[in-house]
Protein backbone atom coordinates (compact mmCIF):
# COMPACT_ATOMS: atom_id res chain seq x y z
CA UNK A 1 30.41 57.16 -19.62
CA UNK A 2 28.01 57.34 -16.69
CA UNK A 3 28.97 58.77 -13.28
CA UNK A 4 27.08 57.43 -10.26
CA UNK A 5 27.16 58.91 -6.76
CA UNK A 6 27.90 56.20 -4.20
CA UNK A 7 27.60 56.44 -0.42
CA UNK A 8 30.93 54.66 0.11
CA UNK A 9 33.23 55.49 -2.83
CA UNK A 10 31.74 58.89 -3.73
CA UNK A 11 31.65 59.12 -7.55
CA UNK A 12 31.94 55.95 -9.65
CA UNK A 13 32.57 56.32 -13.38
CA UNK A 14 31.07 53.44 -15.38
CA UNK A 15 32.29 52.99 -18.94
CA UNK A 16 32.75 50.43 -21.68
CA UNK A 17 31.24 46.98 -21.28
CA UNK A 18 30.28 47.73 -17.66
CA UNK A 19 28.16 50.67 -18.83
CA UNK A 20 26.42 48.43 -21.36
CA UNK A 21 25.75 45.82 -18.68
CA UNK A 22 24.40 48.32 -16.18
CA UNK A 23 20.81 48.42 -17.47
CA UNK A 24 20.37 44.72 -18.26
CA UNK A 25 17.45 43.12 -16.38
CA UNK A 26 19.73 40.66 -14.58
CA UNK A 27 21.83 43.44 -13.10
CA UNK A 28 18.86 45.69 -12.31
CA UNK A 29 17.30 42.76 -10.44
CA UNK A 30 20.09 43.20 -7.87
CA UNK A 31 18.43 46.47 -6.80
CA UNK A 32 15.79 44.22 -5.25
CA UNK A 33 18.18 41.83 -3.49
CA UNK A 34 19.26 42.94 -0.01
CA UNK A 35 22.98 42.70 0.61
CA UNK A 36 22.59 41.41 4.18
CA UNK A 37 19.31 39.52 3.99
CA UNK A 38 17.47 39.69 7.31
CA UNK A 39 20.19 41.67 9.14
CA UNK A 40 17.97 44.76 8.82
CA UNK A 41 15.86 43.22 11.61
CA UNK A 42 18.89 43.91 13.84
CA UNK A 43 20.29 47.05 12.18
CA UNK A 44 17.38 48.94 10.57
CA UNK A 45 19.61 50.94 8.24
CA UNK A 46 21.16 47.81 6.68
CA UNK A 47 18.94 48.05 3.62
CA UNK A 48 21.65 48.32 0.98
CA UNK A 49 21.47 46.07 -2.06
CA UNK A 50 23.58 43.81 -4.20
CA UNK A 51 23.33 46.40 -6.97
CA UNK A 52 25.23 49.12 -5.15
CA UNK A 53 27.72 46.54 -3.87
CA UNK A 54 28.32 45.44 -7.49
CA UNK A 55 29.05 49.03 -8.43
CA UNK A 56 31.55 49.25 -5.55
CA UNK A 57 33.28 46.03 -6.58
CA UNK A 58 33.52 47.30 -10.15
CA UNK A 59 35.01 50.58 -8.92
CA UNK A 60 37.69 48.86 -6.83
CA UNK A 61 38.43 46.46 -9.70
CA UNK A 62 39.09 49.42 -11.98
CA UNK A 63 41.49 50.90 -9.43
CA UNK A 64 43.25 47.55 -9.08
CA UNK A 65 43.60 47.21 -12.86
CA UNK A 66 45.22 50.67 -13.04
CA UNK A 67 47.59 49.73 -10.22
CA UNK A 68 48.53 46.41 -11.80
CA UNK A 69 48.86 47.81 -15.33
CA UNK A 70 46.31 45.43 -16.82
CA UNK A 71 44.75 46.78 -20.02
CA UNK A 72 42.91 45.72 -23.15
CA UNK A 73 40.66 42.71 -23.40
CA UNK A 74 41.86 41.23 -20.11
CA UNK A 75 40.83 44.42 -18.30
CA UNK A 76 37.44 44.29 -20.03
CA UNK A 77 36.96 40.70 -18.86
CA UNK A 78 37.77 41.60 -15.26
CA UNK A 79 35.57 44.71 -15.19
CA UNK A 80 32.67 42.70 -16.65
CA UNK A 81 33.18 39.93 -14.09
CA UNK A 82 33.33 42.41 -11.22
CA UNK A 83 30.07 44.03 -12.30
CA UNK A 84 28.39 40.64 -12.80
CA UNK A 85 29.85 38.72 -9.86
CA UNK A 86 26.56 38.72 -7.88
CA UNK A 87 23.97 38.15 -10.63
CA UNK A 88 23.68 34.52 -9.53
CA UNK A 89 22.41 35.41 -6.07
CA UNK A 90 18.94 34.30 -5.07
CA UNK A 91 16.56 36.37 -2.94
CA UNK A 92 17.89 37.62 0.40
CA UNK A 93 21.45 36.86 -0.75
CA UNK A 94 23.04 34.04 1.27
CA UNK A 95 20.02 33.45 3.49
CA UNK A 96 18.48 30.73 1.31
CA UNK A 97 21.52 29.87 -0.83
CA UNK A 98 22.23 26.48 0.76
CA UNK A 99 18.58 25.50 0.31
CA UNK A 100 18.66 26.45 -3.38
CA UNK A 101 21.96 24.62 -3.84
CA UNK A 102 20.55 21.39 -2.41
CA UNK A 103 17.85 21.43 -5.09
CA UNK A 104 19.72 22.87 -8.08
CA UNK A 105 23.33 21.86 -7.43
CA UNK A 106 24.51 25.43 -7.97
CA UNK A 107 25.84 28.19 -5.73
CA UNK A 108 25.58 31.87 -6.62
CA UNK A 109 29.01 32.02 -8.27
CA UNK A 110 28.11 29.37 -10.87
CA UNK A 111 26.83 31.80 -13.49
CA UNK A 112 27.80 30.12 -16.78
CA UNK A 113 24.19 29.63 -17.88
CA UNK A 114 23.14 33.11 -16.77
CA UNK A 115 25.89 34.87 -18.71
CA UNK A 116 25.53 32.89 -21.92
CA UNK A 117 21.86 33.73 -22.53
CA UNK A 118 19.67 36.81 -22.71
CA UNK A 119 20.76 40.43 -22.73
CA UNK A 120 23.95 39.81 -20.75
CA UNK A 121 25.15 37.29 -23.34
CA UNK A 122 24.32 39.75 -26.12
CA UNK A 123 26.24 42.60 -24.44
CA UNK A 124 29.28 40.42 -23.83
CA UNK A 125 29.33 39.16 -27.43
CA UNK A 126 28.89 42.72 -28.71
CA UNK A 127 32.10 43.60 -26.84
CA UNK A 128 33.90 40.50 -28.17
CA UNK A 129 33.94 38.85 -24.75
CA UNK A 130 33.37 35.14 -24.19
CA UNK A 131 30.67 34.64 -21.50
CA UNK A 132 32.31 31.39 -20.37
CA UNK A 133 35.58 33.17 -19.60
CA UNK A 134 33.75 35.87 -17.65
CA UNK A 135 31.90 33.21 -15.67
CA UNK A 136 35.22 31.52 -14.86
CA UNK A 137 36.53 34.81 -13.44
CA UNK A 138 33.38 35.18 -11.31
CA UNK A 139 34.10 31.72 -9.88
CA UNK A 140 37.67 32.80 -9.04
CA UNK A 141 39.35 30.56 -11.61
CA UNK A 142 42.75 31.36 -13.04
CA UNK A 143 45.31 34.01 -12.16
CA UNK A 144 43.01 36.99 -12.67
CA UNK A 145 40.04 35.32 -11.02
CA UNK A 146 41.81 36.00 -7.71
CA UNK A 147 40.93 39.68 -8.11
CA UNK A 148 37.20 38.91 -8.26
CA UNK A 149 36.99 35.96 -5.88
CA UNK A 150 39.95 35.17 -3.64
CA UNK A 151 41.58 36.01 -0.34
CA UNK A 152 42.47 39.53 -1.56
CA UNK A 153 39.47 40.10 -3.80
CA UNK A 154 37.83 43.47 -4.34
CA UNK A 155 34.50 41.87 -3.40
CA UNK A 156 35.61 41.48 0.23
CA UNK A 157 37.16 44.95 0.29
CA UNK A 158 33.87 46.54 -0.73
CA UNK A 159 31.41 44.55 1.34
CA UNK A 160 33.28 45.00 4.62
CA UNK A 161 33.35 48.78 4.25
CA UNK A 162 29.82 48.97 2.84
CA UNK A 163 28.28 46.72 5.49
CA UNK A 164 29.99 48.70 8.25
CA UNK A 165 28.74 51.95 6.74
CA UNK A 166 25.12 50.85 6.47
CA UNK A 167 24.88 49.05 9.80
CA UNK A 168 26.70 51.80 11.67
CA UNK A 169 29.11 49.19 13.05
CA UNK A 170 32.67 50.54 12.75
CA UNK A 171 34.55 47.23 12.81
CA UNK A 172 34.53 46.68 9.04
CA UNK A 173 36.42 49.89 8.34
CA UNK A 174 39.60 49.04 6.39
CA UNK A 175 42.06 51.04 4.31
CA UNK A 176 40.85 49.62 1.01
CA UNK A 177 42.75 52.33 -0.88
CA UNK A 178 46.07 51.07 0.43
CA UNK A 179 45.08 47.43 -0.05
CA UNK A 180 44.33 48.08 -3.73
CA UNK A 181 47.52 50.11 -4.24
CA UNK A 182 49.67 47.36 -2.77
CA UNK A 183 48.35 44.47 -4.87
CA UNK A 184 50.99 42.55 -6.84
CA UNK A 185 51.16 39.40 -8.94
CA UNK A 186 54.11 37.18 -8.04
CA UNK A 187 54.45 33.91 -9.95
CA UNK A 188 50.75 33.98 -10.73
CA UNK A 189 49.68 34.64 -7.13
CA UNK A 190 47.94 37.82 -6.00
CA UNK A 191 49.84 39.20 -3.01
CA UNK A 192 50.32 42.38 -1.02
CA UNK A 193 53.61 44.20 -1.46
CA UNK A 194 56.34 44.31 1.16
CA UNK A 195 55.56 46.14 4.38
CA UNK A 196 51.86 45.33 4.33
CA UNK A 197 51.46 42.64 6.96
CA UNK A 198 49.39 45.07 9.03
CA UNK A 199 47.22 45.94 6.03
CA UNK A 200 46.53 42.22 5.53
CA UNK A 201 45.81 41.85 9.23
CA UNK A 202 43.24 44.64 8.98
CA UNK A 203 41.18 42.51 6.59
CA UNK A 204 41.41 39.60 8.97
CA UNK A 205 40.46 41.63 12.04
CA UNK A 206 37.60 43.41 10.25
CA UNK A 207 36.06 40.12 9.13
CA UNK A 208 36.58 38.55 12.56
CA UNK A 209 34.82 41.45 14.30
CA UNK A 210 32.00 41.87 11.78
CA UNK A 211 31.08 38.19 11.96
CA UNK A 212 29.67 38.04 15.52
CA UNK A 213 28.50 41.66 15.49
CA UNK A 214 26.67 41.61 12.15
CA UNK A 215 26.80 38.49 10.00
CA UNK A 216 26.25 35.95 12.80
CA UNK A 217 24.43 38.14 15.31
CA UNK A 218 22.00 35.90 17.20
CA UNK A 219 18.90 37.71 15.93
CA UNK A 220 20.23 37.70 12.36
CA UNK A 221 20.76 33.95 12.67
CA UNK A 222 17.27 33.35 14.06
CA UNK A 223 15.55 35.40 11.36
CA UNK A 224 17.68 33.78 8.66
CA UNK A 225 16.76 30.32 9.97
CA UNK A 226 13.07 31.25 9.99
CA UNK A 227 13.24 32.57 6.41
CA UNK A 228 15.09 29.46 5.29
CA UNK A 229 12.52 27.20 6.96
CA UNK A 230 9.61 29.14 5.43
CA UNK A 231 11.19 28.81 1.98
CA UNK A 232 11.77 25.11 2.49
CA UNK A 233 8.11 24.75 3.48
CA UNK A 234 7.16 26.55 0.27
CA UNK A 235 9.17 24.04 -1.75
CA UNK A 236 7.77 21.08 0.16
CA UNK A 237 4.25 22.30 -0.64
CA UNK A 238 5.13 22.23 -4.38
CA UNK A 239 3.97 25.81 -4.61
CA UNK A 240 7.09 26.73 -6.58
CA UNK A 241 10.32 25.03 -7.65
CA UNK A 242 13.89 25.87 -6.63
CA UNK A 243 14.91 27.13 -10.08
CA UNK A 244 12.13 29.71 -9.93
CA UNK A 245 13.07 30.77 -6.40
CA UNK A 246 16.70 31.21 -7.46
CA UNK A 247 15.67 33.87 -9.97
CA UNK A 248 13.22 35.70 -7.69
CA UNK A 249 14.00 38.95 -5.94
CA UNK A 250 13.28 39.58 -2.25
CA UNK A 251 9.80 40.94 -2.87
CA UNK A 252 8.72 38.07 -5.11
CA UNK A 253 9.82 35.50 -2.54
CA UNK A 254 7.96 37.26 0.29
CA UNK A 255 4.78 37.39 -1.81
CA UNK A 256 5.10 33.68 -2.64
CA UNK A 257 5.62 32.84 1.04
CA UNK A 258 2.55 34.87 2.04
CA UNK A 259 0.39 33.22 -0.60
CA UNK A 260 1.25 29.67 0.45
CA UNK A 261 -0.80 28.47 3.43
CA UNK A 262 2.03 26.27 4.70
CA UNK A 263 4.69 29.02 4.77
CA UNK A 264 2.42 31.95 5.69
CA UNK A 265 2.66 31.65 9.51
CA UNK A 266 6.46 31.88 9.56
CA UNK A 267 6.73 34.72 7.06
CA UNK A 268 4.08 36.67 8.98
CA UNK A 269 6.21 36.31 12.09
CA UNK A 270 9.09 37.82 10.12
CA UNK A 271 6.85 40.59 8.78
CA UNK A 272 5.86 41.56 12.32
CA UNK A 273 9.26 40.80 13.86
CA UNK A 274 7.74 38.22 16.20
CA UNK A 275 10.88 36.13 16.08
CA UNK A 276 11.60 32.79 17.65
CA UNK A 277 13.79 32.83 20.75
CA UNK A 278 16.82 30.76 21.70
CA UNK A 279 15.85 27.62 23.56
CA UNK A 280 19.48 26.46 23.43
CA UNK A 281 22.67 28.38 22.64
CA UNK A 282 25.55 25.91 22.95
CA UNK A 283 29.31 26.28 22.62
CA UNK A 284 31.21 24.07 20.21
CA UNK A 285 32.88 21.99 22.95
CA UNK A 286 29.45 21.04 24.31
CA UNK A 287 28.18 19.72 20.97
CA UNK A 288 28.96 16.16 19.79
CA UNK A 289 30.93 16.13 16.54
CA UNK A 290 28.31 14.01 14.86
CA UNK A 291 25.80 16.83 15.22
CA UNK A 292 28.14 19.43 13.77
CA UNK A 293 28.78 17.21 10.74
CA UNK A 294 25.16 16.04 10.44
CA UNK A 295 23.37 16.15 7.10
CA UNK A 296 20.35 18.34 6.52
CA UNK A 297 18.07 15.31 6.73
CA UNK A 298 19.55 14.32 10.08
CA UNK A 299 19.06 17.82 11.49
CA UNK A 300 15.43 17.75 10.37
CA UNK A 301 15.01 14.42 12.16
CA UNK A 302 16.45 15.99 15.32
CA UNK A 303 13.89 18.78 15.02
CA UNK A 304 11.01 16.32 14.77
CA UNK A 305 12.26 14.35 17.78
CA UNK A 306 12.64 17.53 19.84
CA UNK A 307 9.14 18.68 18.88
CA UNK A 308 7.66 15.27 19.78
CA UNK A 309 9.39 15.23 23.16
CA UNK A 310 8.41 18.85 23.91
CA UNK A 311 4.84 18.23 22.68
CA UNK A 312 4.89 21.19 20.29
CA UNK A 313 4.12 21.36 16.55
CA UNK A 314 7.00 20.07 14.42
CA UNK A 315 7.37 23.39 12.59
CA UNK A 316 7.91 25.25 15.88
CA UNK A 317 11.46 23.87 16.32
CA UNK A 318 14.48 24.99 14.30
CA UNK A 319 17.93 23.53 14.90
CA UNK A 320 20.65 25.85 13.56
CA UNK A 321 24.08 24.21 13.21
CA UNK A 322 26.80 26.46 11.73
CA UNK A 323 29.76 25.04 9.85
CA UNK A 324 32.97 24.55 11.78
CA UNK A 325 34.93 27.79 12.22
CA UNK A 326 37.20 28.67 9.32
CA UNK A 327 39.30 31.68 8.37
CA UNK A 328 39.96 31.89 4.64
CA UNK A 329 41.59 35.31 5.04
CA UNK A 330 44.50 33.69 6.91
CA UNK A 331 45.75 32.33 3.56
CA UNK A 332 46.30 35.88 2.26
CA UNK A 333 49.81 36.17 0.83
CA UNK A 334 52.21 38.99 1.70
CA UNK A 335 55.74 39.77 0.53
CA UNK A 336 58.14 39.61 3.49
CA UNK A 337 61.94 39.86 3.01
CA UNK A 338 61.57 39.12 -0.67
CA UNK A 339 59.48 35.95 -0.31
CA UNK A 340 55.75 35.28 -0.44
CA UNK A 341 54.39 34.18 2.92
CA UNK A 342 50.90 33.23 4.05
CA UNK A 343 49.50 35.54 6.68
CA UNK A 344 48.64 32.56 8.89
CA UNK A 345 52.34 31.79 9.24
CA UNK A 346 53.52 35.39 9.47
CA UNK A 347 51.05 37.07 11.84
CA UNK A 348 50.70 36.21 15.53
CA UNK A 349 47.18 37.68 15.37
CA UNK A 350 45.87 34.75 13.35
CA UNK A 351 45.98 32.22 16.17
CA UNK A 352 44.28 34.64 18.56
CA UNK A 353 41.52 35.39 16.06
CA UNK A 354 41.04 31.69 15.36
CA UNK A 355 40.62 31.11 19.09
CA UNK A 356 38.09 33.95 19.29
CA UNK A 357 36.17 32.54 16.35
CA UNK A 358 36.12 29.12 17.99
CA UNK A 359 34.86 30.65 21.24
CA UNK A 360 32.10 32.55 19.42
CA UNK A 361 30.66 29.47 17.66
CA UNK A 362 27.18 28.51 18.85
CA UNK A 363 24.62 25.85 18.02
CA UNK A 364 21.14 27.31 18.26
CA UNK A 365 17.75 25.74 18.86
CA UNK A 366 14.90 28.20 18.28
CA UNK A 367 11.19 28.14 19.07
CA UNK A 368 8.34 30.54 19.88
CA UNK A 369 8.92 32.29 23.21
CA UNK A 370 6.12 30.56 25.11
CA UNK A 371 7.50 27.11 24.20
CA UNK A 372 11.17 27.86 24.76
CA UNK A 373 11.59 26.09 28.12
CA UNK A 374 9.99 22.83 26.96
CA UNK A 375 11.90 22.87 23.68
CA UNK A 376 15.17 23.64 25.45
CA UNK A 377 14.84 20.73 27.85
CA UNK A 378 13.88 18.36 25.02
CA UNK A 379 16.77 19.57 22.85
CA UNK A 380 19.31 18.86 25.56
CA UNK A 381 18.16 15.25 25.73
CA UNK A 382 17.76 14.63 22.00
CA UNK A 383 21.06 16.25 21.01
CA UNK A 384 22.99 14.92 24.00
CA UNK A 385 24.22 18.36 25.02
CA UNK A 386 25.96 19.19 28.28
CA UNK A 387 25.64 22.95 28.73
CA UNK A 388 25.53 23.56 32.45
CA UNK A 389 28.36 26.10 32.23
CA UNK A 390 28.13 29.85 32.86
CA UNK A 391 27.42 30.89 29.26
CA UNK A 392 24.18 28.94 29.04
CA UNK A 393 22.35 28.53 32.28
CA UNK A 394 20.33 25.57 33.42
CA UNK A 395 17.78 25.05 30.68
CA UNK A 396 16.73 21.80 32.35
CA UNK A 397 15.22 23.87 35.16
CA UNK A 398 13.52 26.27 32.79
CA UNK A 399 15.99 29.09 33.41
CA UNK A 400 17.54 31.14 30.64
CA UNK A 401 19.54 34.12 31.83
CA UNK A 402 22.56 34.54 29.57
CA UNK A 403 23.83 38.09 29.24
CA UNK A 404 23.56 38.12 25.46
CA UNK A 405 19.90 37.11 25.68
CA UNK A 406 19.05 40.75 26.05
CA UNK A 407 20.26 41.60 22.53
CA UNK A 408 17.17 39.85 21.25
């Protein structure tokens, strides 16, 4: 057994197959993958890694297994999956995941190939565990996969608390101890026991508050978009392929970006925190549906048209279109009066939080500061936006005086 001191859960005891997995290269690589990508450009102390998060998820999984009375080989499978659930992440976590997926067809939770080969595969076989079954758990498949990847998973319970701790933002603080203690399986579904509607709501509220404050903070979104564009430029230059990028750590990707002439200007801006600014910051009701649903290729065409109209270099315009608002946590199941109910139907908070999420959605168009006015005016015309309301002032006249501008 190995005991590790953790900043969130205090002492974590690592034993069995998890202890054997701990020093494999694939897991140690997570020490060099930032948990929150470029969020440290907003919150300087947000430098925690996927490695420590994996330890936290493992710790909470062990507590959940004790609570649920799961033992033997099934417990070993779940503890292995919880420790390995993030080994498929590329550099800077989610920041370049969509880009990698477009080229490889895989997201970070598709780890079948990773677990079947190399030292991880050897460790799993040595403990009589089938790598394919562990990979299925990582993907959230089956009854027990819900513990690793689902609405009530231990992954979410750890990252909310850990991200709040390292950013200094208190909104992610939840009673994860109670959440773990109240887990139940009812007819194959993972639910919270009776009397825990408020505990389920705490997950929902924490995620809803952390999203605009941390995960989708305007500066975090701008820096993420710049990193993603730099990495795409690296791929377009044939300097490296997507499979190689997917297995890099943060440092290797930054070095590759600096060495490529095409991507160097953007990554140097990130190095020096000379970030693009918001030329447009538009609410969802002001954005045509066709733009929200547009393909990556269509968005790139918009960028080129905006750059042409603004008479700026094509790589100086980034159009950032988030997905439509969603709230997976609202499907969390809770026992109420002896029956399993979805939180979305039980809690009056859900509709209010959905409305807040809808109101917080923004389309962003980013450019260097000295080109922002021209790019903003061109973007309004190309994208067909009507944003003369109070939240985004009259970009057509070269004015940009929103209150949240000053968080940049």
